[in-house]
Amino acid sequence: MSSQEEILSDGRFSCVARDPRFWEMPEKERKVKIDKRFRAMFHDKKFKLRYTVDKRGRPVNYTSTENLRKFYALSESDSDLSASDSKELRVKKKKKKKAKGKGEADS
């Protein structure tokens, strides 16, 4: 195949390089910004589906949360909150496990 430069130097396709319809979308505009009300969908089990095959029947190994991270991003002010919230969730889970462990040991 021809290289990209050869294709763009061809007179028939030279307008493609200058036409904004064919430009790649910028990274920061690619994802939809969501606020803190919807940040639970990144870590909640209700939003997580495990796919074994794609739409054509080929085997795959990914989850729906990977798609969510691909298309959505937390707003700038909420991204700092989400990092601290994830730490708080881990601490709460550890405390629950310790509390369950004590409750089982006592009974």
Protein backbone atom coordinates (compact mmCIF):
# COMPACT_ATOMS: atom_id res chain seq x y z
CA MET A 1 0.00 0.00 0.00
CA SER A 2 0.99 3.62 -0.43
CA SER A 3 2.08 5.75 2.43
CA GLN A 4 -0.15 8.47 3.85
CA GLU A 5 1.94 11.24 2.27
CA GLU A 6 1.59 9.75 -1.20
CA ILE A 7 -2.17 9.55 -0.83
CA LEU A 8 -2.45 13.15 0.36
CA SER A 9 -0.18 14.41 -2.43
CA ASP A 10 -2.55 12.93 -5.01
CA GLY A 11 -4.72 15.73 -6.41
CA ARG A 12 -7.92 13.75 -5.97
CA PHE A 13 -7.46 13.42 -2.20
CA SER A 14 -5.60 16.63 -1.31
CA CYS A 15 -8.76 18.28 0.02
CA VAL A 16 -9.04 15.58 2.71
CA ALA A 17 -6.10 16.99 4.66
CA ARG A 18 -7.61 20.48 4.78
CA ASP A 19 -11.23 19.52 5.39
CA PRO A 20 -12.12 19.66 9.13
CA ARG A 21 -14.72 16.92 8.70
CA PHE A 22 -11.90 14.39 8.38
CA TRP A 23 -9.71 15.64 11.23
CA GLU A 24 -9.35 13.46 14.27
CA MET A 25 -11.37 14.59 17.26
CA PRO A 26 -9.27 16.07 20.10
CA GLU A 27 -8.80 13.88 23.17
CA LYS A 28 -10.44 16.31 25.59
CA GLU A 29 -13.53 16.67 23.39
CA ARG A 30 -13.81 12.94 22.72
CA LYS A 31 -15.21 12.01 26.13
CA VAL A 32 -18.46 13.31 27.59
CA LYS A 33 -17.94 15.09 30.90
CA ILE A 34 -20.18 13.94 33.71
CA ASP A 35 -20.50 15.38 37.19
CA LYS A 36 -20.24 13.79 40.62
CA ARG A 37 -23.86 12.61 40.66
CA PHE A 38 -23.03 9.90 38.13
CA ARG A 39 -19.55 8.87 39.28
CA ALA A 40 -20.96 5.76 40.97
CA MET A 41 -21.39 4.12 37.59
CA PHE A 42 -17.62 3.65 37.35
CA HIS A 43 -17.40 1.40 40.42
CA ASP A 44 -20.95 0.20 41.13
CA LYS A 45 -21.63 -3.48 40.47
CA LYS A 46 -25.04 -2.66 38.97
CA PHE A 47 -23.32 -1.07 35.97
CA LYS A 48 -20.81 -3.87 35.43
CA LEU A 49 -21.54 -6.49 32.81
CA ARG A 50 -19.04 -9.13 31.78
CA TYR A 51 -18.96 -9.87 28.06
CA THR A 52 -17.80 -13.21 26.72
CA VAL A 53 -18.55 -12.71 23.02
CA ASP A 54 -18.82 -9.64 20.82
CA LYS A 55 -21.70 -8.85 18.48
CA ARG A 56 -20.25 -11.16 15.83
CA GLY A 57 -19.78 -14.12 18.17
CA ARG A 58 -16.02 -13.82 18.63
CA PRO A 59 -14.73 -14.43 22.16
CA VAL A 60 -13.74 -11.31 24.10
CA ASN A 61 -12.70 -10.59 27.64
CA TYR A 62 -13.83 -7.13 28.78
CA THR A 63 -16.49 -5.49 30.90
CA SER A 64 -18.95 -2.68 30.35
CA THR A 65 -17.07 -0.46 32.83
CA GLU A 66 -14.17 -0.36 30.36
CA ASN A 67 -16.58 1.07 27.80
CA LEU A 68 -17.82 3.62 30.32
CA ARG A 69 -14.27 4.79 30.98
CA LYS A 70 -13.68 4.97 27.24
CA PHE A 71 -16.62 7.27 26.50
CA TYR A 72 -17.16 9.20 29.76
CA ALA A 73 -14.89 11.27 31.97
CA LEU A 74 -15.51 12.97 35.28
CA SER A 75 -15.51 16.74 35.18
CA GLU A 76 -12.26 18.40 36.29
CA SER A 77 -13.50 19.40 39.73
CA ASP A 78 -14.95 15.94 40.37
CA SER A 79 -11.90 13.95 39.32
CA ASP A 80 -10.09 15.03 42.49
CA LEU A 81 -13.10 14.01 44.55
CA SER A 82 -13.32 10.61 42.90
CA ALA A 83 -9.73 9.75 43.84
CA SER A 84 -10.36 10.59 47.49
CA ASP A 85 -13.72 8.81 47.42
CA SER A 86 -12.17 5.64 46.07
CA LYS A 87 -9.71 5.69 48.99
CA GLU A 88 -12.61 6.16 51.40
CA LEU A 89 -14.48 3.24 49.84
CA ARG A 90 -11.45 0.97 50.27
CA VAL A 91 -11.16 1.96 53.93
CA LYS A 92 -14.88 1.34 54.51
CA LYS A 93 -14.66 -2.10 52.87
CA LYS A 94 -11.70 -3.03 55.07
CA LYS A 95 -13.61 -1.91 58.17
CA LYS A 96 -16.64 -3.99 57.13
CA LYS A 97 -14.47 -7.07 56.62
CA LYS A 98 -12.87 -6.59 60.04
CA ALA A 99 -16.29 -6.09 61.65
CA LYS A 100 -17.61 -9.27 60.00
CA GLY A 101 -14.55 -11.16 61.12
CA LYS A 102 -15.08 -10.09 64.75
CA GLY A 103 -18.79 -10.90 64.62
CA GLU A 104 -18.14 -14.41 63.30
CA ALA A 105 -15.42 -15.03 65.88
CA ASP A 106 -17.70 -14.01 68.77
CA SER A 107 -20.57 -16.31 67.77
